[in-house]
Amino acid sequence: MKKILLLGAGKIGVIISELLASSGDYEVHVADLDQSNLDGLPQYAAVKPLLLDVTDEAALQAAMQGKFAALSACPFDITRYVAEAAVATGVHYLDLTEDVACTRLVKSLAGAARSALIPQCGLAPGFITIAAYELTRQFDRLQNVHMRVGALPKYPSNGLKYNLTWSTDGLINEYCNACEAIVNGELTQVLPLEELESFSLDGVDYEAFNTSGGLGTLCETLAGRVDNLNYRTVRYPGHRNIMKLLLQDLGLKDRRPLLKEIFETALPLTRQDVVLVFVNVSGYKNEQLVQESYANKIYSRIINGRHWSAIQITTAAGICAVLDLLAEGKLPQQGFVRQEDILFDDFIANRFGQYYSLQQSSRDEAA
């Protein structure tokens, strides 16, 4: 049984604990600064709660001693402490960040690492990166790679047509920060909330717009190989315009703590959600212009007798599957590991990755 240190016992940390501990292959030491979060962890003998301040370097390194890997489910702005401690202690490192600056820091640490550093192991970036790169492998020459992901309430009931489903800090971060893209073959930055588009899938209307971080390291990987590469977040129609009003017209992008308080006070949490994943790739095969697409919807469901949201499942399944593949020796054991280094077939065949492949009913299941 491999010992794991999981940093963060919030919405995602709790389901990571559930999946890993119930597998019987991992002893999960879960650290958090908030005792109430630790009190909500699943009750397995393999789950070991630990009250810990991640910013306490000595305490964090002590907690990592003897562990196979450290998994960060912390807010993006403190994830760096986990990465630095993992490098110092020679422990494998995985995170869920969508923050571009954080990933660059992790990459800068990789040269001195004795272990594997694998950032962006969630949904987007994460699984969407793996799925998109798998499609690109099928082409002789690439033209366009378009990646779209949305975590949406099944039953929107407010003007934003949105409910909280994951980290509020992460949500605000991706709405406010500049977005990487490749446009006409050139690496560039585009503005968040711009380039609004509309589309329908399975009879439902959606909109999509630029948000930060979803491409992961694909801009670097596909540089010189693709004409246009972009990532956009999917929402129900009308959401983008309200967010522009709040962030830009009312200036709340410069008052993020206030915006977070508003969101967490006014927008209820829901576990009745759906995650939409859509990738569209065009290019040339045998000198013929061809388009290939991947589309999937993952719904909330009951796992081990407890109702989990779709965003919890998809995010946790991502990092747990990557951990499994690392433990099985299917990934590099040292240095910086990109999501596109992970084979789609390996991921989807994994016991945790299979949560992306199961044909799930859209019917709600009561907890």
Protein backbone atom coordinates (compact mmCIF):
# COMPACT_ATOMS: atom_id res chain seq x y z
CA MET A 1 0.00 0.00 0.00
CA LYS A 2 1.53 3.30 -1.11
CA LYS A 3 1.41 6.24 1.24
CA ILE A 4 0.11 9.47 -0.26
CA LEU A 5 0.05 12.98 1.16
CA LEU A 6 -3.02 14.87 -0.06
CA LEU A 7 -2.99 18.61 0.60
CA GLY A 8 -6.50 20.03 0.82
CA ALA A 9 -9.70 18.44 2.15
CA GLY A 10 -12.20 20.66 0.35
CA LYS A 11 -14.71 19.84 -2.41
CA ILE A 12 -12.17 17.92 -4.48
CA GLY A 13 -9.89 16.64 -1.74
CA VAL A 14 -12.74 14.75 -0.09
CA ILE A 15 -13.57 12.72 -3.21
CA ILE A 16 -9.89 12.08 -3.97
CA SER A 17 -9.70 10.60 -0.46
CA GLU A 18 -12.78 8.49 -1.18
CA LEU A 19 -11.50 7.09 -4.46
CA LEU A 20 -7.96 6.35 -3.31
CA ALA A 21 -8.80 4.94 0.12
CA SER A 22 -11.62 2.73 -1.17
CA SER A 23 -9.31 1.25 -3.81
CA GLY A 24 -7.34 -0.57 -1.11
CA ASP A 25 -4.02 0.42 -2.67
CA TYR A 26 -3.33 3.75 -1.01
CA GLU A 27 -2.97 5.06 2.51
CA VAL A 28 -4.05 8.68 2.23
CA HIS A 29 -2.70 11.23 4.70
CA VAL A 30 -4.97 14.25 4.20
CA ALA A 31 -3.72 17.63 5.41
CA ASP A 32 -5.78 20.78 5.82
CA LEU A 33 -5.70 23.92 7.93
CA ASP A 34 -9.43 23.69 8.69
CA GLN A 35 -10.47 21.02 11.19
CA SER A 36 -14.06 21.09 9.90
CA ASN A 37 -12.82 19.98 6.47
CA LEU A 38 -10.90 17.12 8.05
CA ASP A 39 -13.99 16.12 10.03
CA GLY A 40 -15.86 15.67 6.73
CA LEU A 41 -13.43 13.15 5.26
CA PRO A 42 -14.66 9.61 4.44
CA GLN A 43 -14.32 7.18 7.30
CA TYR A 44 -11.73 4.67 6.15
CA ALA A 45 -8.86 3.27 8.17
CA ALA A 46 -6.65 4.25 5.23
CA VAL A 47 -7.58 7.94 5.58
CA LYS A 48 -5.31 9.73 8.04
CA PRO A 49 -6.33 13.35 8.81
CA LEU A 50 -3.58 15.85 9.57
CA LEU A 51 -3.97 19.46 10.70
CA LEU A 52 -1.30 21.34 8.76
CA ASP A 53 -0.47 24.78 7.43
CA VAL A 54 0.88 24.26 3.90
CA THR A 55 2.91 27.48 4.14
CA ASP A 56 4.89 26.03 7.09
CA GLU A 57 7.88 24.70 5.12
CA ALA A 58 9.37 22.56 7.89
CA ALA A 59 6.04 20.98 8.85
CA LEU A 60 5.15 20.31 5.21
CA GLN A 61 8.46 18.64 4.44
CA ALA A 62 8.15 16.53 7.60
CA ALA A 63 4.69 15.38 6.49
CA MET A 64 6.10 14.33 3.10
CA GLN A 65 8.75 12.04 4.54
CA GLY A 66 8.17 8.43 3.50
CA LYS A 67 5.38 9.26 1.04
CA PHE A 68 5.22 8.01 -2.55
CA ALA A 69 3.57 11.19 -3.82
CA ALA A 70 2.13 14.54 -2.75
CA LEU A 71 -1.16 15.59 -4.35
CA SER A 72 -2.15 19.25 -4.17
CA ALA A 73 -5.86 20.03 -4.03
CA CYS A 74 -5.05 23.46 -2.58
CA PRO A 75 -6.00 26.86 -3.98
CA PHE A 76 -3.73 27.80 -6.87
CA ASP A 77 -1.99 30.58 -4.93
CA ILE A 78 -0.49 28.20 -2.34
CA THR A 79 0.17 25.19 -4.54
CA ARG A 80 3.75 26.34 -5.07
CA TYR A 81 4.60 25.50 -1.45
CA VAL A 82 3.66 21.87 -2.12
CA ALA A 83 5.73 21.72 -5.32
CA GLU A 84 8.81 23.17 -3.62
CA ALA A 85 8.53 20.76 -0.68
CA ALA A 86 8.08 17.78 -3.00
CA VAL A 87 11.27 18.65 -4.87
CA ALA A 88 13.14 19.13 -1.60
CA THR A 89 12.04 15.74 -0.27
CA GLY A 90 12.23 13.76 -3.54
CA VAL A 91 8.51 12.95 -3.52
CA HIS A 92 6.42 12.68 -6.69
CA TYR A 93 4.18 15.73 -7.18
CA LEU A 94 0.74 16.08 -8.81
CA ASP A 95 -1.63 19.05 -8.81
CA LEU A 96 -4.93 20.29 -10.24
CA THR A 97 -3.98 23.85 -11.04
CA GLU A 98 -5.21 25.78 -14.06
CA ASP A 99 -2.97 28.70 -13.14
CA VAL A 100 -0.37 29.33 -15.86
CA ALA A 101 2.17 30.97 -13.54
CA CYS A 102 2.01 28.04 -11.11
CA THR A 103 2.68 25.54 -13.88
CA ARG A 104 5.65 27.56 -15.10
CA LEU A 105 7.06 27.48 -11.59
CA VAL A 106 6.64 23.70 -11.40
CA LYS A 107 8.42 23.34 -14.73
CA SER A 108 11.29 25.53 -13.51
CA LEU A 109 11.73 23.20 -10.52
CA ALA A 110 11.84 20.06 -12.64
CA GLY A 111 15.52 20.31 -13.56
CA ALA A 112 16.56 19.70 -9.95
CA ALA A 113 13.85 17.14 -9.18
CA ARG A 114 14.59 13.54 -8.29
CA SER A 115 10.92 12.70 -8.75
CA ALA A 116 8.16 13.29 -11.29
CA LEU A 117 6.40 16.67 -11.31
CA ILE A 118 2.99 16.40 -12.97
CA PRO A 119 0.82 19.54 -12.85
CA GLN A 120 -2.66 20.12 -14.29
CA CYS A 121 -4.07 16.63 -13.59
CA GLY A 122 -7.75 17.57 -13.42
CA LEU A 123 -10.38 18.18 -16.07
CA ALA A 124 -9.20 21.31 -17.91
CA PRO A 125 -6.30 21.28 -18.20
CA GLY A 126 -5.95 17.57 -17.68
CA PHE A 127 -8.30 15.16 -19.40
CA ILE A 128 -9.21 17.69 -22.10
CA THR A 129 -5.48 17.97 -22.92
CA ILE A 130 -5.08 14.19 -23.13
CA ALA A 131 -8.16 13.85 -25.36
CA ALA A 132 -7.18 16.73 -27.65
CA TYR A 133 -3.61 15.56 -28.10
CA GLU A 134 -4.81 12.04 -28.90
CA LEU A 135 -6.86 13.43 -31.79
CA THR A 136 -3.92 15.47 -33.09
CA ARG A 137 -1.80 12.30 -33.34
CA GLN A 138 -4.07 11.12 -36.16
CA PHE A 139 -3.18 14.00 -38.52
CA ASP A 140 -0.31 14.54 -40.91
CA ARG A 141 -0.76 18.32 -40.71
CA LEU A 142 -2.90 20.25 -38.25
CA GLN A 143 -5.10 23.22 -39.02
CA ASN A 144 -7.33 23.97 -36.01
CA VAL A 145 -7.58 22.54 -32.49
CA HIS A 146 -10.58 23.82 -30.54
CA MET A 147 -11.16 22.70 -26.94
CA ARG A 148 -14.39 23.42 -25.04
CA VAL A 149 -15.27 22.43 -21.47
CA GLY A 150 -18.12 23.41 -19.15
CA ALA A 151 -19.20 22.37 -15.67
CA LEU A 152 -22.87 23.37 -15.59
CA PRO A 153 -25.90 23.01 -13.33
CA LYS A 154 -28.50 20.71 -14.80
CA TYR A 155 -31.24 23.00 -13.55
CA PRO A 156 -30.07 26.65 -13.79
CA SER A 157 -32.34 28.87 -11.71
CA ASN A 158 -30.70 32.32 -11.57
CA GLY A 159 -29.66 35.10 -13.94
CA LEU A 160 -26.11 33.76 -14.26
CA LYS A 161 -27.50 30.30 -15.06
CA TYR A 162 -24.72 28.98 -12.88
CA ASN A 163 -24.13 27.35 -9.51
CA LEU A 164 -20.89 26.86 -7.62
CA THR A 165 -19.45 23.47 -8.43
CA TRP A 166 -15.72 23.83 -7.65
CA SER A 167 -13.11 26.32 -6.40
CA THR A 168 -14.42 29.88 -6.38
CA ASP A 169 -10.86 31.21 -6.44
CA GLY A 170 -10.07 29.10 -9.49
CA LEU A 171 -13.24 30.25 -11.25
CA ILE A 172 -12.44 33.93 -10.73
CA ASN A 173 -8.81 33.38 -11.72
CA GLU A 174 -9.69 31.87 -15.10
CA TYR A 175 -12.23 34.63 -15.80
CA CYS A 176 -9.71 37.41 -15.11
CA ASN A 177 -6.31 36.30 -16.40
CA ALA A 178 -4.99 36.56 -19.96
CA CYS A 179 -5.45 33.43 -22.06
CA GLU A 180 -2.84 31.68 -24.17
CA ALA A 181 -3.69 30.76 -27.76
CA ILE A 182 -2.13 30.12 -31.13
CA VAL A 183 -3.61 32.38 -33.82
CA ASN A 184 -2.52 32.05 -37.45
CA GLY A 185 0.49 30.05 -36.31
CA GLU A 186 1.67 32.60 -33.74
CA LEU A 187 1.68 32.12 -29.96
CA THR A 188 -0.25 35.01 -28.43
CA GLN A 189 -2.43 36.06 -25.54
CA VAL A 190 -6.12 36.81 -25.89
CA LEU A 191 -8.50 38.51 -23.49
CA PRO A 192 -10.70 36.50 -21.11
CA LEU A 193 -14.47 36.56 -21.73
CA GLU A 194 -13.94 37.52 -25.39
CA GLU A 195 -14.50 35.68 -28.71
CA LEU A 196 -18.01 34.66 -27.73
CA GLU A 197 -19.48 31.81 -29.76
CA SER A 198 -22.75 29.88 -29.71
CA PHE A 199 -23.43 26.23 -30.44
CA SER A 200 -25.88 23.43 -29.68
CA LEU A 201 -25.23 19.89 -28.52
CA ASP A 202 -27.93 17.26 -27.98
CA GLY A 203 -30.57 19.96 -28.50
CA VAL A 204 -29.22 22.27 -25.77
CA ASP A 205 -27.94 25.78 -26.55
CA TYR A 206 -24.60 26.88 -25.13
CA GLU A 207 -22.14 29.75 -25.38
CA ALA A 208 -18.36 29.60 -25.05
CA PHE A 209 -15.70 32.27 -24.47
CA ASN A 210 -12.02 32.62 -23.66
CA THR A 211 -10.84 31.70 -20.17
CA SER A 212 -7.35 31.24 -18.81
CA GLY A 213 -5.36 28.06 -18.23
CA GLY A 214 -7.35 25.40 -20.04
CA LEU A 215 -4.73 24.67 -22.70
CA GLY A 216 -2.14 23.54 -20.21
CA THR A 217 1.18 23.11 -22.03
CA LEU A 218 -0.34 22.45 -25.46
CA CYS A 219 0.67 25.85 -26.85
CA GLU A 220 4.29 24.90 -26.35
CA THR A 221 3.83 21.32 -27.52
CA LEU A 222 1.96 22.21 -30.73
CA ALA A 223 3.92 25.37 -31.58
CA GLY A 224 4.84 25.31 -35.26
CA ARG A 225 2.41 22.44 -35.95
CA VAL A 226 -1.03 24.07 -35.77
CA ASP A 227 -2.56 27.19 -37.32
CA ASN A 228 -5.09 27.88 -34.56
CA LEU A 229 -5.34 26.48 -31.03
CA ASN A 230 -7.75 27.79 -28.41
CA TYR A 231 -9.65 26.87 -25.27
CA ARG A 232 -13.03 28.26 -24.23
CA THR A 233 -15.29 27.67 -21.26
CA VAL A 234 -18.87 26.58 -21.95
CA ARG A 235 -21.83 28.20 -20.21
CA TYR A 236 -25.54 28.68 -20.83
CA PRO A 237 -26.41 31.71 -23.03
CA GLY A 238 -26.28 35.08 -21.23
CA HIS A 239 -23.70 34.14 -18.59
CA ARG A 240 -20.78 35.87 -20.28
CA ASN A 241 -22.50 39.26 -20.53
CA ILE A 242 -23.33 39.32 -16.82
CA MET A 243 -19.77 38.34 -15.93
CA LYS A 244 -18.41 41.17 -18.09
CA LEU A 245 -20.70 43.57 -16.22
CA LEU A 246 -19.46 42.36 -12.85
CA LEU A 247 -15.76 42.05 -13.66
CA GLN A 248 -15.19 44.91 -16.07
CA ASP A 249 -17.96 47.49 -15.82
CA LEU A 250 -18.21 47.27 -12.01
CA GLY A 251 -14.48 46.67 -11.59
CA LEU A 252 -14.76 43.54 -9.45
CA LYS A 253 -11.82 41.93 -11.27
CA ASP A 254 -9.71 44.24 -9.12
CA ARG A 255 -11.66 43.35 -5.95
CA ARG A 256 -11.51 39.58 -6.07
CA PRO A 257 -12.10 38.94 -2.34
CA LEU A 258 -15.36 40.89 -2.60
CA LEU A 259 -16.39 39.01 -5.76
CA LYS A 260 -15.65 35.70 -4.03
CA GLU A 261 -17.80 36.72 -1.06
CA ILE A 262 -20.67 37.68 -3.39
CA PHE A 263 -20.47 34.40 -5.29
CA GLU A 264 -20.30 32.22 -2.19
CA THR A 265 -23.14 34.13 -0.53
CA ALA A 266 -25.48 34.33 -3.51
CA LEU A 267 -24.76 31.22 -5.61
CA PRO A 268 -25.71 27.92 -3.99
CA LEU A 269 -23.60 24.79 -4.34
CA THR A 270 -25.16 22.06 -6.48
CA ARG A 271 -24.32 18.41 -7.00
CA GLN A 272 -26.88 18.11 -9.80
CA ASP A 273 -24.50 19.09 -12.58
CA VAL A 274 -23.12 17.97 -15.90
CA VAL A 275 -19.59 18.27 -17.30
CA LEU A 276 -19.41 18.83 -21.04
CA VAL A 277 -16.18 18.02 -22.90
CA PHE A 278 -15.88 18.85 -26.59
CA VAL A 279 -12.77 18.79 -28.81
CA ASN A 280 -12.73 19.59 -32.51
CA VAL A 281 -9.58 19.05 -34.61
CA SER A 282 -9.17 19.68 -38.31
CA GLY A 283 -6.23 19.12 -40.62
CA TYR A 284 -4.87 16.91 -43.35
CA LYS A 285 -4.66 13.13 -43.62
CA ASN A 286 -3.17 11.82 -46.84
CA GLU A 287 -3.53 15.32 -48.34
CA GLN A 288 -7.29 15.40 -47.60
CA LEU A 289 -8.82 17.99 -45.26
CA VAL A 290 -10.50 16.07 -42.42
CA GLN A 291 -12.24 16.93 -39.14
CA GLU A 292 -12.30 14.68 -36.05
CA SER A 293 -14.23 15.41 -32.86
CA TYR A 294 -14.60 14.09 -29.33
CA ALA A 295 -17.74 14.89 -27.33
CA ASN A 296 -18.76 13.63 -23.92
CA LYS A 297 -21.09 14.48 -21.08
CA ILE A 298 -20.43 13.22 -17.55
CA TYR A 299 -23.17 13.49 -14.95
CA SER A 300 -23.25 13.47 -11.16
CA ARG A 301 -23.69 10.02 -9.67
CA ILE A 302 -23.51 7.91 -6.55
CA ILE A 303 -20.16 6.35 -5.71
CA ASN A 304 -19.79 4.17 -2.63
CA GLY A 305 -23.20 5.24 -1.38
CA ARG A 306 -22.60 8.99 -1.63
CA HIS A 307 -23.79 11.47 -4.25
CA TRP A 308 -20.92 13.31 -5.93
CA SER A 309 -21.09 16.14 -8.45
CA ALA A 310 -19.83 15.65 -12.00
CA ILE A 311 -17.07 18.21 -11.52
CA GLN A 312 -15.91 16.44 -8.36
CA ILE A 313 -15.85 13.10 -10.17
CA THR A 314 -14.07 14.30 -13.30
CA THR A 315 -11.47 16.34 -11.43
CA ALA A 316 -10.69 13.62 -8.89
CA ALA A 317 -10.73 10.85 -11.50
CA GLY A 318 -8.08 12.74 -13.44
CA ILE A 319 -5.51 13.06 -10.70
CA CYS A 320 -6.22 9.57 -9.30
CA ALA A 321 -5.77 7.98 -12.74
CA VAL A 322 -2.48 9.81 -13.28
CA LEU A 323 -1.31 8.67 -9.83
CA ASP A 324 -2.15 5.07 -10.75
CA LEU A 325 -0.29 5.31 -14.05
CA LEU A 326 2.71 6.79 -12.26
CA ALA A 327 2.65 3.99 -9.67
CA GLU A 328 2.42 1.40 -12.48
CA GLY A 329 5.51 2.82 -14.19
CA LYS A 330 3.59 3.98 -17.26
CA LEU A 331 4.80 7.56 -16.82
CA PRO A 332 8.30 9.05 -16.43
CA GLN A 333 9.54 8.77 -12.86
CA GLN A 334 11.58 11.98 -12.88
CA GLY A 335 11.29 15.52 -14.21
CA PHE A 336 8.45 17.51 -15.73
CA VAL A 337 5.59 15.41 -17.12
CA ARG A 338 3.01 17.02 -19.40
CA GLN A 339 -0.59 15.87 -19.64
CA GLU A 340 -0.02 15.17 -23.34
CA ASP A 341 2.66 12.66 -22.31
CA ILE A 342 -0.20 10.49 -20.97
CA LEU A 343 -1.68 8.09 -23.52
CA PHE A 344 -5.44 8.39 -23.90
CA ASP A 345 -5.90 4.62 -24.04
CA ASP A 346 -3.94 4.14 -20.80
CA PHE A 347 -5.97 6.84 -19.08
CA ILE A 348 -9.41 5.70 -20.20
CA ALA A 349 -8.65 2.04 -19.37
CA ASN A 350 -7.61 2.97 -15.83
CA ARG A 351 -10.05 2.20 -13.01
CA PHE A 352 -10.37 5.90 -12.20
CA GLY A 353 -10.16 7.12 -15.77
CA GLN A 354 -13.13 4.92 -16.59
CA TYR A 355 -15.41 7.47 -14.95
CA TYR A 356 -14.98 9.39 -18.21
CA SER A 357 -16.02 6.42 -20.33
CA LEU A 358 -19.03 5.05 -18.48
CA GLN A 359 -22.39 5.55 -20.15
CA GLN A 360 -24.18 7.36 -17.37
CA SER A 361 -27.85 8.20 -17.14
CA SER A 362 -28.83 11.85 -17.02
CA ARG A 363 -31.38 10.91 -14.38
CA ASP A 364 -30.59 12.39 -10.97
CA GLU A 365 -29.81 9.90 -8.23
CA ALA A 366 -30.81 10.84 -4.73
CA ALA A 367 -28.01 10.84 -2.18
